[in-house]
Each structure stands twice: as C-alpha cells, then as structure tokens.
Amino acid sequence: MNLNYKVVCDLIEKNSKVLDLGCGNGELLELLKKEKQVKGFGVEINQDSLLDALVKGLSVIQGDIDKGLDEFQDNTYDYAILNQTLQSTKHPEMI
C-alpha cells in the first residue's frame, strides 16, 4: 500500500462521505471504500485515469477543479481530499 494513502486512510472515519478531488485512477478512493466503508465520489480531469476509476466501479466525473466546484453543495461531504492535487492547481485559494 502506498504510504501516503495509508496516512490519509488513517485520518478518515469509517462510513464517512468523501470527495476525492483529482482522484486519478481511483486507487485511494477504492482503498477507502474497502478499508473504511466510505461513500466516495471522485473528480478527475484526465480521461484515461477517469476511465480506470470507472472500471473499478467508482463514482467519478470528469472535471477541472480549477474552474470551481459549483456542482457540489456545501456540507455534503465529511472529507474533501486533495492527495496529490493541491500543488498542481492554478487557484488553490479558490479550491
């Protein structure tokens, strides 16, 4: 298991609602569903990664988080994860 994923997984409470921004191929979201029984949703800009996540049976949409997250209402998720995404965003203060 990716050490970074283990750190994140340890921070998340069981049965939480998780929004994974920049979820990549869904590996972390898949782990959280398995280990913590989360209800997860992912956002990914890269089409190939998005397809990999969808093949895993994950709930993921294609989107550019730099353009905002208007489709998500406040207080819908217990956690929003930017595991390896924040440093690559153009407008981190907005996200």
PDB file of N, CA and C in Angstrom:
ATOM      1  N   MET A   1       0.845  -1.185   0.000  1.00  0.00           N
ATOM      2  CA  MET A   1       0.000   0.000   0.000  1.00  0.00           C
ATOM      3  C   MET A   1       0.884   1.239   0.000  1.00  0.00           C
ATOM      4  N   ASN A   2       0.536   2.195  -0.807  1.00  0.00           N
ATOM      5  CA  ASN A   2       1.210   3.481  -0.868  1.00  0.00           C
ATOM      6  C   ASN A   2       1.193   4.099   0.538  1.00  0.00           C
ATOM      7  N   LEU A   3       2.366   4.493   1.057  1.00  0.00           N
ATOM      8  CA  LEU A   3       2.470   5.049   2.408  1.00  0.00           C
ATOM      9  C   LEU A   3       1.607   6.292   2.570  1.00  0.00           C
ATOM     10  N   ASN A   4       1.584   7.138   1.546  1.00  0.00           N
ATOM     11  CA  ASN A   4       0.762   8.340   1.582  1.00  0.00           C
ATOM     12  C   ASN A   4      -0.716   7.979   1.706  1.00  0.00           C
ATOM     13  N   TYR A   5      -1.148   6.941   1.008  1.00  0.00           N
ATOM     14  CA  TYR A   5      -2.538   6.506   1.088  1.00  0.00           C
ATOM     15  C   TYR A   5      -2.869   5.992   2.483  1.00  0.00           C
ATOM     16  N   LYS A   6      -1.916   5.310   3.111  1.00  0.00           N
ATOM     17  CA  LYS A   6      -2.137   4.801   4.458  1.00  0.00           C
ATOM     18  C   LYS A   6      -2.339   5.948   5.437  1.00  0.00           C
ATOM     19  N   VAL A   7      -1.547   7.000   5.305  1.00  0.00           N
ATOM     20  CA  VAL A   7      -1.691   8.166   6.178  1.00  0.00           C
ATOM     21  C   VAL A   7      -3.080   8.771   6.016  1.00  0.00           C
ATOM     22  N   VAL A   8      -3.514   8.945   4.777  1.00  0.00           N
ATOM     23  CA  VAL A   8      -4.843   9.507   4.515  1.00  0.00           C
ATOM     24  C   VAL A   8      -5.916   8.572   5.063  1.00  0.00           C
ATOM     25  N   CYS A   9      -5.780   7.307   4.802  1.00  0.00           N
ATOM     26  CA  CYS A   9      -6.767   6.315   5.247  1.00  0.00           C
ATOM     27  C   CYS A   9      -6.904   6.341   6.769  1.00  0.00           C
ATOM     28  N   ASP A  10      -5.812   6.483   7.471  1.00  0.00           N
ATOM     29  CA  ASP A  10      -5.841   6.516   8.931  1.00  0.00           C
ATOM     30  C   ASP A  10      -6.590   7.740   9.464  1.00  0.00           C
ATOM     31  N   LEU A  11      -6.659   8.805   8.687  1.00  0.00           N
ATOM     32  CA  LEU A  11      -7.320  10.039   9.117  1.00  0.00           C
ATOM     33  C   LEU A  11      -8.840  10.031   8.896  1.00  0.00           C
ATOM     34  N   ILE A  12      -9.301   9.153   8.036  1.00  0.00           N
ATOM     35  CA  ILE A  12     -10.719   9.129   7.645  1.00  0.00           C
ATOM     36  C   ILE A  12     -11.508   8.198   8.564  1.00  0.00           C
ATOM     37  N   GLU A  13     -12.640   8.681   9.050  1.00  0.00           N
ATOM     38  CA  GLU A  13     -13.501   7.853   9.889  1.00  0.00           C
ATOM     39  C   GLU A  13     -14.340   6.914   9.041  1.00  0.00           C
ATOM     40  N   LYS A  14     -14.646   5.754   9.603  1.00  0.00           N
ATOM     41  CA  LYS A  14     -15.477   4.771   8.902  1.00  0.00           C
ATOM     42  C   LYS A  14     -16.831   5.365   8.548  1.00  0.00           C
ATOM     43  N   ASN A  15     -17.363   4.905   7.439  1.00  0.00           N
ATOM     44  CA  ASN A  15     -18.703   5.271   6.961  1.00  0.00           C
ATOM     45  C   ASN A  15     -18.863   6.762   6.659  1.00  0.00           C
ATOM     46  N   SER A  16     -17.761   7.442   6.387  1.00  0.00           N
ATOM     47  CA  SER A  16     -17.804   8.862   6.054  1.00  0.00           C
ATOM     48  C   SER A  16     -18.151   9.066   4.588  1.00  0.00           C
ATOM     49  N   LYS A  17     -18.495  10.298   4.262  1.00  0.00           N
ATOM     50  CA  LYS A  17     -18.692  10.697   2.870  1.00  0.00           C
ATOM     51  C   LYS A  17     -17.443  11.453   2.444  1.00  0.00           C
ATOM     52  N   VAL A  18     -16.821  10.992   1.349  1.00  0.00           N
ATOM     53  CA  VAL A  18     -15.530  11.518   0.915  1.00  0.00           C
ATOM     54  C   VAL A  18     -15.612  12.012  -0.525  1.00  0.00           C
ATOM     55  N   LEU A  19     -15.090  13.209  -0.748  1.00  0.00           N
ATOM     56  CA  LEU A  19     -14.941  13.763  -2.087  1.00  0.00           C
ATOM     57  C   LEU A  19     -13.451  13.789  -2.393  1.00  0.00           C
ATOM     58  N   ASP A  20     -13.027  13.011  -3.370  1.00  0.00           N
ATOM     59  CA  ASP A  20     -11.617  12.919  -3.744  1.00  0.00           C
ATOM     60  C   ASP A  20     -11.383  13.748  -5.002  1.00  0.00           C
ATOM     61  N   LEU A  21     -10.773  14.906  -4.814  1.00  0.00           N
ATOM     62  CA  LEU A  21     -10.530  15.852  -5.907  1.00  0.00           C
ATOM     63  C   LEU A  21      -9.190  15.544  -6.557  1.00  0.00           C
ATOM     64  N   GLY A  22      -9.225  15.255  -7.840  1.00  0.00           N
ATOM     65  CA  GLY A  22      -8.016  14.810  -8.526  1.00  0.00           C
ATOM     66  C   GLY A  22      -7.738  13.366  -8.150  1.00  0.00           C
ATOM     67  N   CYS A  23      -8.752  12.543  -8.266  1.00  0.00           N
ATOM     68  CA  CYS A  23      -8.698  11.167  -7.756  1.00  0.00           C
ATOM     69  C   CYS A  23      -7.834  10.226  -8.596  1.00  0.00           C
ATOM     70  N   GLY A  24      -7.354  10.703  -9.727  1.00  0.00           N
ATOM     71  CA  GLY A  24      -6.509   9.849 -10.568  1.00  0.00           C
ATOM     72  C   GLY A  24      -7.252   8.599 -10.992  1.00  0.00           C
ATOM     73  N   ASN A  25      -6.592   7.461 -10.864  1.00  0.00           N
ATOM     74  CA  ASN A  25      -7.204   6.195 -11.285  1.00  0.00           C
ATOM     75  C   ASN A  25      -8.114   5.594 -10.218  1.00  0.00           C
ATOM     76  N   GLY A  26      -8.322   6.324  -9.121  1.00  0.00           N
ATOM     77  CA  GLY A  26      -9.247   5.877  -8.087  1.00  0.00           C
ATOM     78  C   GLY A  26      -8.649   4.955  -7.049  1.00  0.00           C
ATOM     79  N   GLU A  27      -7.339   4.787  -7.062  1.00  0.00           N
ATOM     80  CA  GLU A  27      -6.704   3.848  -6.137  1.00  0.00           C
ATOM     81  C   GLU A  27      -6.988   4.194  -4.670  1.00  0.00           C
ATOM     82  N   LEU A  28      -6.857   5.469  -4.300  1.00  0.00           N
ATOM     83  CA  LEU A  28      -7.116   5.859  -2.913  1.00  0.00           C
ATOM     84  C   LEU A  28      -8.598   5.714  -2.576  1.00  0.00           C
ATOM     85  N   LEU A  29      -9.456   6.134  -3.445  1.00  0.00           N
ATOM     86  CA  LEU A  29     -10.890   6.021  -3.209  1.00  0.00           C
ATOM     87  C   LEU A  29     -11.306   4.556  -3.053  1.00  0.00           C
ATOM     88  N   GLU A  30     -10.737   3.707  -3.870  1.00  0.00           N
ATOM     89  CA  GLU A  30     -11.010   2.273  -3.776  1.00  0.00           C
ATOM     90  C   GLU A  30     -10.553   1.722  -2.420  1.00  0.00           C
ATOM     91  N   LEU A  31      -9.379   2.142  -1.971  1.00  0.00           N
ATOM     92  CA  LEU A  31      -8.862   1.716  -0.673  1.00  0.00           C
ATOM     93  C   LEU A  31      -9.775   2.189   0.462  1.00  0.00           C
ATOM     94  N   LEU A  32     -10.212   3.436   0.384  1.00  0.00           N
ATOM     95  CA  LEU A  32     -11.084   3.977   1.429  1.00  0.00           C
ATOM     96  C   LEU A  32     -12.424   3.247   1.471  1.00  0.00           C
ATOM     97  N   LYS A  33     -12.943   2.880   0.325  1.00  0.00           N
ATOM     98  CA  LYS A  33     -14.192   2.117   0.299  1.00  0.00           C
ATOM     99  C   LYS A  33     -13.999   0.753   0.950  1.00  0.00           C
ATOM    100  N   LYS A  34     -12.868   0.125   0.669  1.00  0.00           N
ATOM    101  CA  LYS A  34     -12.596  -1.203   1.202  1.00  0.00           C
ATOM    102  C   LYS A  34     -12.288  -1.161   2.701  1.00  0.00           C
ATOM    103  N   GLU A  35     -11.404  -0.266   3.095  1.00  0.00           N
ATOM    104  CA  GLU A  35     -10.922  -0.236   4.478  1.00  0.00           C
ATOM    105  C   GLU A  35     -11.828   0.531   5.433  1.00  0.00           C
ATOM    106  N   LYS A  36     -12.500   1.568   4.938  1.00  0.00           N
ATOM    107  CA  LYS A  36     -13.286   2.443   5.808  1.00  0.00           C
ATOM    108  C   LYS A  36     -14.767   2.508   5.442  1.00  0.00           C
ATOM    109  N   GLN A  37     -15.167   1.749   4.435  1.00  0.00           N
ATOM    110  CA  GLN A  37     -16.562   1.697   4.006  1.00  0.00           C
ATOM    111  C   GLN A  37     -17.135   3.101   3.741  1.00  0.00           C
ATOM    112  N   VAL A  38     -16.328   3.963   3.139  1.00  0.00           N
ATOM    113  CA  VAL A  38     -16.783   5.322   2.839  1.00  0.00           C
ATOM    114  C   VAL A  38     -17.738   5.306   1.658  1.00  0.00           C
ATOM    115  N   LYS A  39     -18.530   6.354   1.589  1.00  0.00           N
ATOM    116  CA  LYS A  39     -19.322   6.635   0.397  1.00  0.00           C
ATOM    117  C   LYS A  39     -18.511   7.699  -0.327  1.00  0.00           C
ATOM    118  N   GLY A  40     -17.859   7.301  -1.400  1.00  0.00           N
ATOM    119  CA  GLY A  40     -16.920   8.199  -2.055  1.00  0.00           C
ATOM    120  C   GLY A  40     -17.343   8.634  -3.437  1.00  0.00           C
ATOM    121  N   PHE A  41     -16.833   9.794  -3.803  1.00  0.00           N
ATOM    122  CA  PHE A  41     -17.065  10.361  -5.118  1.00  0.00           C
ATOM    123  C   PHE A  41     -15.776  11.035  -5.545  1.00  0.00           C
ATOM    124  N   GLY A  42     -15.400  10.859  -6.813  1.00  0.00           N
ATOM    125  CA  GLY A  42     -14.157  11.432  -7.302  1.00  0.00           C
ATOM    126  C   GLY A  42     -14.354  12.392  -8.451  1.00  0.00           C
ATOM    127  N   VAL A  43     -13.395  13.303  -8.578  1.00  0.00           N
ATOM    128  CA  VAL A  43     -13.340  14.237  -9.701  1.00  0.00           C
ATOM    129  C   VAL A  43     -11.946  14.116 -10.301  1.00  0.00           C
ATOM    130  N   GLU A  44     -11.875  13.907 -11.612  1.00  0.00           N
ATOM    131  CA  GLU A  44     -10.590  13.738 -12.290  1.00  0.00           C
ATOM    132  C   GLU A  44     -10.644  14.410 -13.650  1.00  0.00           C
ATOM    133  N   ILE A  45      -9.584  15.104 -14.007  1.00  0.00           N
ATOM    134  CA  ILE A  45      -9.529  15.809 -15.289  1.00  0.00           C
ATOM    135  C   ILE A  45      -9.032  14.917 -16.424  1.00  0.00           C
ATOM    136  N   ASN A  46      -8.146  13.987 -16.113  1.00  0.00           N
ATOM    137  CA  ASN A  46      -7.528  13.139 -17.125  1.00  0.00           C
ATOM    138  C   ASN A  46      -8.470  12.005 -17.527  1.00  0.00           C
ATOM    139  N   GLN A  47      -8.785  11.924 -18.811  1.00  0.00           N
ATOM    140  CA  GLN A  47      -9.758  10.946 -19.281  1.00  0.00           C
ATOM    141  C   GLN A  47      -9.302   9.505 -19.053  1.00  0.00           C
ATOM    142  N   ASP A  48      -8.035   9.201 -19.298  1.00  0.00           N
ATOM    143  CA  ASP A  48      -7.549   7.830 -19.108  1.00  0.00           C
ATOM    144  C   ASP A  48      -7.653   7.405 -17.642  1.00  0.00           C
ATOM    145  N   SER A  49      -7.268   8.298 -16.736  1.00  0.00           N
ATOM    146  CA  SER A  49      -7.372   8.000 -15.304  1.00  0.00           C
ATOM    147  C   SER A  49      -8.828   7.843 -14.891  1.00  0.00           C
ATOM    148  N   LEU A  50      -9.671   8.717 -15.422  1.00  0.00           N
ATOM    149  CA  LEU A  50     -11.098   8.645 -15.139  1.00  0.00           C
ATOM    150  C   LEU A  50     -11.657   7.286 -15.547  1.00  0.00           C
ATOM    151  N   LEU A  51     -11.308   6.825 -16.730  1.00  0.00           N
ATOM    152  CA  LEU A  51     -11.786   5.528 -17.200  1.00  0.00           C
ATOM    153  C   LEU A  51     -11.293   4.394 -16.310  1.00  0.00           C
ATOM    154  N   ASP A  52     -10.041   4.476 -15.860  1.00  0.00           N
ATOM    155  CA  ASP A  52      -9.508   3.462 -14.938  1.00  0.00           C
ATOM    156  C   ASP A  52     -10.340   3.403 -13.657  1.00  0.00           C
ATOM    157  N   ALA A  53     -10.704   4.581 -13.140  1.00  0.00           N
ATOM    158  CA  ALA A  53     -11.506   4.637 -11.918  1.00  0.00           C
ATOM    159  C   ALA A  53     -12.906   4.080 -12.158  1.00  0.00           C
ATOM    160  N   LEU A  54     -13.485   4.400 -13.288  1.00  0.00           N
ATOM    161  CA  LEU A  54     -14.824   3.899 -13.601  1.00  0.00           C
ATOM    162  C   LEU A  54     -14.838   2.380 -13.743  1.00  0.00           C
ATOM    163  N   VAL A  55     -13.785   1.825 -14.335  1.00  0.00           N
ATOM    164  CA  VAL A  55     -13.677   0.369 -14.484  1.00  0.00           C
ATOM    165  C   VAL A  55     -13.666  -0.304 -13.110  1.00  0.00           C
ATOM    166  N   LYS A  56     -13.147   0.390 -12.101  1.00  0.00           N
ATOM    167  CA  LYS A  56     -13.118  -0.144 -10.734  1.00  0.00           C
ATOM    168  C   LYS A  56     -14.491  -0.038 -10.060  1.00  0.00           C
ATOM    169  N   GLY A  57     -15.452   0.534 -10.762  1.00  0.00           N
ATOM    170  CA  GLY A  57     -16.782   0.657 -10.203  1.00  0.00           C
ATOM    171  C   GLY A  57     -16.971   1.862  -9.303  1.00  0.00           C
ATOM    172  N   LEU A  58     -16.093   2.846  -9.411  1.00  0.00           N
ATOM    173  CA  LEU A  58     -16.162   4.031  -8.564  1.00  0.00           C
ATOM    174  C   LEU A  58     -17.042   5.111  -9.186  1.00  0.00           C
ATOM    175  N   SER A  59     -17.596   5.946  -8.345  1.00  0.00           N
ATOM    176  CA  SER A  59     -18.395   7.083  -8.799  1.00  0.00           C
ATOM    177  C   SER A  59     -17.450   8.253  -9.038  1.00  0.00           C
ATOM    178  N   VAL A  60     -17.216   8.558 -10.308  1.00  0.00           N
ATOM    179  CA  VAL A  60     -16.247   9.585 -10.679  1.00  0.00           C
ATOM    180  C   VAL A  60     -16.793  10.372 -11.866  1.00  0.00           C
ATOM    181  N   ILE A  61     -16.537  11.682 -11.851  1.00  0.00           N
ATOM    182  CA  ILE A  61     -16.879  12.513 -13.004  1.00  0.00           C
ATOM    183  C   ILE A  61     -15.621  13.200 -13.503  1.00  0.00           C
ATOM    184  N   GLN A  62     -15.641  13.575 -14.760  1.00  0.00           N
ATOM    185  CA  GLN A  62     -14.537  14.337 -15.319  1.00  0.00           C
ATOM    186  C   GLN A  62     -14.796  15.814 -15.047  1.00  0.00           C
ATOM    187  N   GLY A  63     -13.792  16.480 -14.499  1.00  0.00           N
ATOM    188  CA  GLY A  63     -13.947  17.892 -14.200  1.00  0.00           C
ATOM    189  C   GLY A  63     -12.618  18.548 -13.898  1.00  0.00           C
ATOM    190  N   ASP A  64     -12.592  19.850 -14.061  1.00  0.00           N
ATOM    191  CA  ASP A  64     -11.414  20.669 -13.788  1.00  0.00           C
ATOM    192  C   ASP A  64     -11.684  21.446 -12.505  1.00  0.00           C
ATOM    193  N   ILE A  65     -11.081  21.038 -11.409  1.00  0.00           N
ATOM    194  CA  ILE A  65     -11.363  21.684 -10.129  1.00  0.00           C
ATOM    195  C   ILE A  65     -10.897  23.135 -10.099  1.00  0.00           C
ATOM    196  N   ASP A  66      -9.979  23.520 -10.985  1.00  0.00           N
ATOM    197  CA  ASP A  66      -9.557  24.915 -11.074  1.00  0.00           C
ATOM    198  C   ASP A  66     -10.691  25.817 -11.566  1.00  0.00           C
ATOM    199  N   LYS A  67     -11.683  25.228 -12.199  1.00  0.00           N
ATOM    200  CA  LYS A  67     -12.820  26.014 -12.685  1.00  0.00           C
ATOM    201  C   LYS A  67     -13.936  26.079 -11.652  1.00  0.00           C
ATOM    202  N   GLY A  68     -13.719  25.487 -10.506  1.00  0.00           N
ATOM    203  CA  GLY A  68     -14.695  25.550  -9.430  1.00  0.00           C
ATOM    204  C   GLY A  68     -15.402  24.236  -9.185  1.00  0.00           C
ATOM    205  N   LEU A  69     -16.142  24.215  -8.111  1.00  0.00           N
ATOM    206  CA  LEU A  69     -16.849  23.010  -7.679  1.00  0.00           C
ATOM    207  C   LEU A  69     -18.320  23.317  -7.437  1.00  0.00           C
ATOM    208  N   ASP A  70     -18.893  24.112  -8.316  1.00  0.00           N
ATOM    209  CA  ASP A  70     -20.278  24.560  -8.153  1.00  0.00           C
ATOM    210  C   ASP A  70     -21.286  23.416  -8.099  1.00  0.00           C
ATOM    211  N   GLU A  71     -20.952  22.286  -8.692  1.00  0.00           N
ATOM    212  CA  GLU A  71     -21.903  21.168  -8.714  1.00  0.00           C
ATOM    213  C   GLU A  71     -21.999  20.450  -7.366  1.00  0.00           C
ATOM    214  N   PHE A  72     -21.147  20.830  -6.417  1.00  0.00           N
ATOM    215  CA  PHE A  72     -21.162  20.196  -5.092  1.00  0.00           C
ATOM    216  C   PHE A  72     -21.648  21.197  -4.049  1.00  0.00           C
ATOM    217  N   GLN A  73     -22.701  20.822  -3.327  1.00  0.00           N
ATOM    218  CA  GLN A  73     -23.235  21.689  -2.285  1.00  0.00           C
ATOM    219  C   GLN A  73     -22.355  21.641  -1.040  1.00  0.00           C
ATOM    220  N   ASP A  74     -22.336  22.727  -0.307  1.00  0.00           N
ATOM    221  CA  ASP A  74     -21.608  22.779   0.955  1.00  0.00           C
ATOM    222  C   ASP A  74     -22.152  21.728   1.916  1.00  0.00           C
ATOM    223  N   ASN A  75     -21.269  21.219   2.753  1.00  0.00           N
ATOM    224  CA  ASN A  75     -21.610  20.276   3.827  1.00  0.00           C
ATOM    225  C   ASN A  75     -22.200  18.958   3.339  1.00  0.00           C
ATOM    226  N   THR A  76     -21.913  18.590   2.100  1.00  0.00           N
ATOM    227  CA  THR A  76     -22.374  17.309   1.566  1.00  0.00           C
ATOM    228  C   THR A  76     -21.420  16.183   1.943  1.00  0.00           C
ATOM    229  N   TYR A  77     -20.133  16.507   2.075  1.00  0.00           N
ATOM    230  CA  TYR A  77     -19.102  15.504   2.353  1.00  0.00           C
ATOM    231  C   TYR A  77     -18.442  15.783   3.698  1.00  0.00           C
ATOM    232  N   ASP A  78     -18.029  14.699   4.345  1.00  0.00           N
ATOM    233  CA  ASP A  78     -17.300  14.826   5.606  1.00  0.00           C
ATOM    234  C   ASP A  78     -15.840  15.206   5.366  1.00  0.00           C
ATOM    235  N   TYR A  79     -15.299  14.737   4.237  1.00  0.00           N
ATOM    236  CA  TYR A  79     -13.900  14.994   3.895  1.00  0.00           C
ATOM    237  C   TYR A  79     -13.782  15.333   2.418  1.00  0.00           C
ATOM    238  N   ALA A  80     -12.927  16.288   2.121  1.00  0.00           N
ATOM    239  CA  ALA A  80     -12.515  16.567   0.747  1.00  0.00           C
ATOM    240  C   ALA A  80     -11.013  16.319   0.694  1.00  0.00           C
ATOM    241  N   ILE A  81     -10.589  15.440  -0.185  1.00  0.00           N
ATOM    242  CA  ILE A  81      -9.184  15.047  -0.270  1.00  0.00           C
ATOM    243  C   ILE A  81      -8.561  15.632  -1.526  1.00  0.00           C
ATOM    244  N   LEU A  82      -7.398  16.238  -1.359  1.00  0.00           N
ATOM    245  CA  LEU A  82      -6.565  16.685  -2.476  1.00  0.00           C
ATOM    246  C   LEU A  82      -5.197  16.050  -2.266  1.00  0.00           C
ATOM    247  N   ASN A  83      -5.160  14.748  -2.360  1.00  0.00           N
ATOM    248  CA  ASN A  83      -3.979  13.969  -2.003  1.00  0.00           C
ATOM    249  C   ASN A  83      -2.724  14.389  -2.751  1.00  0.00           C
ATOM    250  N   GLN A  84      -2.778  14.464  -4.048  1.00  0.00           N
ATOM    251  CA  GLN A  84      -1.616  14.877  -4.834  1.00  0.00           C
ATOM    252  C   GLN A  84      -2.038  15.910  -5.866  1.00  0.00           C
ATOM    253  N   THR A  85      -3.013  16.717  -5.499  1.00  0.00           N
ATOM    254  CA  THR A  85      -3.620  17.628  -6.449  1.00  0.00           C
ATOM    255  C   THR A  85      -3.387  19.089  -6.115  1.00  0.00           C
ATOM    256  N   LEU A  86      -3.401  19.448  -4.866  1.00  0.00           N
ATOM    257  CA  LEU A  86      -3.343  20.854  -4.462  1.00  0.00           C
ATOM    258  C   LEU A  86      -2.141  21.572  -5.061  1.00  0.00           C
ATOM    259  N   GLN A  87      -0.986  20.923  -5.051  1.00  0.00           N
ATOM    260  CA  GLN A  87       0.224  21.565  -5.560  1.00  0.00           C
ATOM    261  C   GLN A  87       0.211  21.781  -7.074  1.00  0.00           C
ATOM    262  N   SER A  88      -0.703  21.131  -7.775  1.00  0.00           N
ATOM    263  CA  SER A  88      -0.763  21.302  -9.226  1.00  0.00           C
ATOM    264  C   SER A  88      -1.925  22.179  -9.669  1.00  0.00           C
ATOM    265  N   THR A  89      -2.662  22.728  -8.714  1.00  0.00           N
ATOM    266  CA  THR A  89      -3.768  23.602  -9.078  1.00  0.00           C
ATOM    267  C   THR A  89      -3.273  25.016  -9.361  1.00  0.00           C
ATOM    268  N   LYS A  90      -4.014  25.719 -10.170  1.00  0.00           N
ATOM    269  CA  LYS A  90      -3.651  27.093 -10.515  1.00  0.00           C
ATOM    270  C   LYS A  90      -4.223  28.091  -9.519  1.00  0.00           C
ATOM    271  N   HIS A  91      -5.318  27.714  -8.858  1.00  0.00           N
ATOM    272  CA  HIS A  91      -6.004  28.607  -7.924  1.00  0.00           C
ATOM    273  C   HIS A  91      -6.293  27.884  -6.613  1.00  0.00           C
ATOM    274  N   PRO A  92      -5.258  27.511  -5.854  1.00  0.00           N
ATOM    275  CA  PRO A  92      -5.502  26.734  -4.631  1.00  0.00           C
ATOM    276  C   PRO A  92      -6.367  27.455  -3.595  1.00  0.00           C
ATOM    277  N   GLU A  93      -6.282  28.775  -3.560  1.00  0.00           N
ATOM    278  CA  GLU A  93      -7.083  29.515  -2.583  1.00  0.00           C
ATOM    279  C   GLU A  93      -8.578  29.396  -2.878  1.00  0.00           C
ATOM    280  N   MET A  94      -8.949  29.240  -4.140  1.00  0.00           N
ATOM    281  CA  MET A  94     -10.339  29.086  -4.514  1.00  0.00           C
ATOM    282  C   MET A  94     -10.847  27.682  -4.160  1.00  0.00           C
ATOM    283  N   ILE A  95     -10.005  26.703  -4.399  1.00  0.00           N
ATOM    284  CA  ILE A  95     -10.403  25.313  -4.174  1.00  0.00           C
ATOM    285  C   ILE A  95     -10.532  25.053  -2.695  1.00  0.00           C
TER     286      ILE A  95
END
